[in-house]
Protein backbone atom coordinates (compact mmCIF):
# COMPACT_ATOMS: atom_id res chain seq x y z
CA MET A 1 0.00 0.00 0.00
CA SER A 2 2.84 2.40 0.67
CA MET A 3 3.95 2.15 -2.97
CA LYS A 4 0.50 3.19 -4.15
CA ARG A 5 0.56 6.25 -1.91
CA ASN A 6 4.06 7.08 -3.09
CA GLY A 7 2.96 6.78 -6.74
CA ASN A 8 -0.02 9.07 -6.12
CA SER A 9 2.12 11.74 -4.50
CA VAL A 10 4.60 11.61 -7.39
CA THR A 11 1.74 11.95 -9.87
CA LYS A 12 0.33 14.90 -7.93
CA LYS A 13 3.74 16.57 -7.93
CA ILE A 14 4.14 16.05 -11.68
CA VAL A 15 0.66 17.42 -12.37
CA GLY A 16 1.35 20.40 -10.10
CA ILE A 17 4.65 21.17 -11.82
CA ALA A 18 3.04 20.84 -15.26
CA ALA A 19 0.24 23.19 -14.22
CA CYS A 20 2.77 25.74 -12.94
CA ILE A 21 4.70 25.56 -16.21
CA ILE A 22 1.52 26.06 -18.24
CA VAL A 23 0.44 29.05 -16.13
CA ALA A 24 3.93 30.59 -16.31
CA THR A 25 3.99 30.15 -20.10
CA MET A 26 0.59 31.81 -20.44
CA CYS A 27 1.67 34.74 -18.26
CA LEU A 28 4.89 35.22 -20.22
CA SER A 29 3.04 35.16 -23.54
CA CYS A 30 0.65 37.84 -22.25
CA PHE A 31 3.50 40.10 -21.13
CA ALA A 32 5.61 39.50 -24.25
CA ALA A 33 3.51 41.99 -26.23
CA CYS A 34 3.87 44.81 -23.69
CA GLY A 35 5.39 47.96 -25.14
CA GLU A 36 4.75 46.87 -28.72
CA ASN A 37 2.46 49.76 -29.55
CA THR A 38 4.89 52.60 -29.00
CA ILE A 39 3.92 55.58 -31.13
CA ALA A 40 6.56 57.93 -32.43
CA SER A 41 6.29 61.57 -31.48
CA GLU A 42 5.77 62.61 -35.10
CA GLU A 43 2.30 63.10 -36.53
CA VAL A 44 0.76 60.43 -38.77
CA ASP A 45 -0.70 61.65 -42.07
CA VAL A 46 -2.31 58.37 -43.19
CA ASP A 47 -3.34 55.78 -40.57
CA LEU A 48 -4.06 52.42 -42.20
CA SER A 49 -4.28 50.62 -38.86
CA VAL A 50 -7.74 51.99 -38.08
CA LEU A 51 -9.31 51.21 -41.46
CA ASN A 52 -11.23 48.08 -42.41
CA SER A 53 -9.87 45.81 -45.15
CA THR A 54 -11.87 47.43 -47.97
CA MET A 55 -10.68 50.92 -47.06
CA VAL A 56 -7.07 49.75 -46.66
CA TYR A 57 -7.23 48.25 -50.16
CA ALA A 58 -8.65 51.50 -51.55
CA LYS A 59 -6.07 53.66 -49.77
CA VAL A 60 -3.13 51.47 -50.85
CA TYR A 61 -4.46 51.49 -54.42
CA ASP A 62 -4.56 55.29 -54.25
CA ILE A 63 -0.99 55.37 -52.90
CA VAL A 64 0.20 53.13 -55.74
CA THR A 65 -1.63 55.03 -58.50
CA ASN A 66 -0.98 58.52 -57.13
CA PRO A 67 2.39 58.35 -55.33
CA THR A 68 3.23 62.05 -55.64
CA ALA A 69 0.33 62.90 -53.33
CA TYR A 70 2.00 60.86 -50.58
CA LEU A 71 5.54 62.20 -50.84
CA ASP A 72 6.88 63.31 -47.44
CA LYS A 73 3.84 61.79 -45.70
CA THR A 74 3.95 59.49 -42.69
CA ILE A 75 1.91 56.32 -43.16
CA LYS A 76 1.07 54.13 -40.17
CA ALA A 77 0.34 50.43 -40.72
CA LYS A 78 0.07 47.46 -38.39
CA GLY A 79 1.40 44.02 -39.24
CA SER A 80 4.32 42.34 -40.92
CA TYR A 81 6.18 44.14 -43.68
CA ASP A 82 9.46 43.88 -45.49
CA THR A 83 11.79 46.81 -46.14
């Protein structure tokens, strides 16, 4: 009987450690995005991050077809991009 009790306590310890690791991972993933939305002190002329997908498409089309209108303008966008 003592082996069965010993096995149960080991299982409880393993489950407890696994639960702590899962909770710690979730907390770290929540805090990993902190400070991501830092806004520069300069003013934004075109903010694509607040537009829906249809309006973003229309605005980007306008930028591509009429690039001189956007010279020296600051454009804000959210997401992945390549420079």
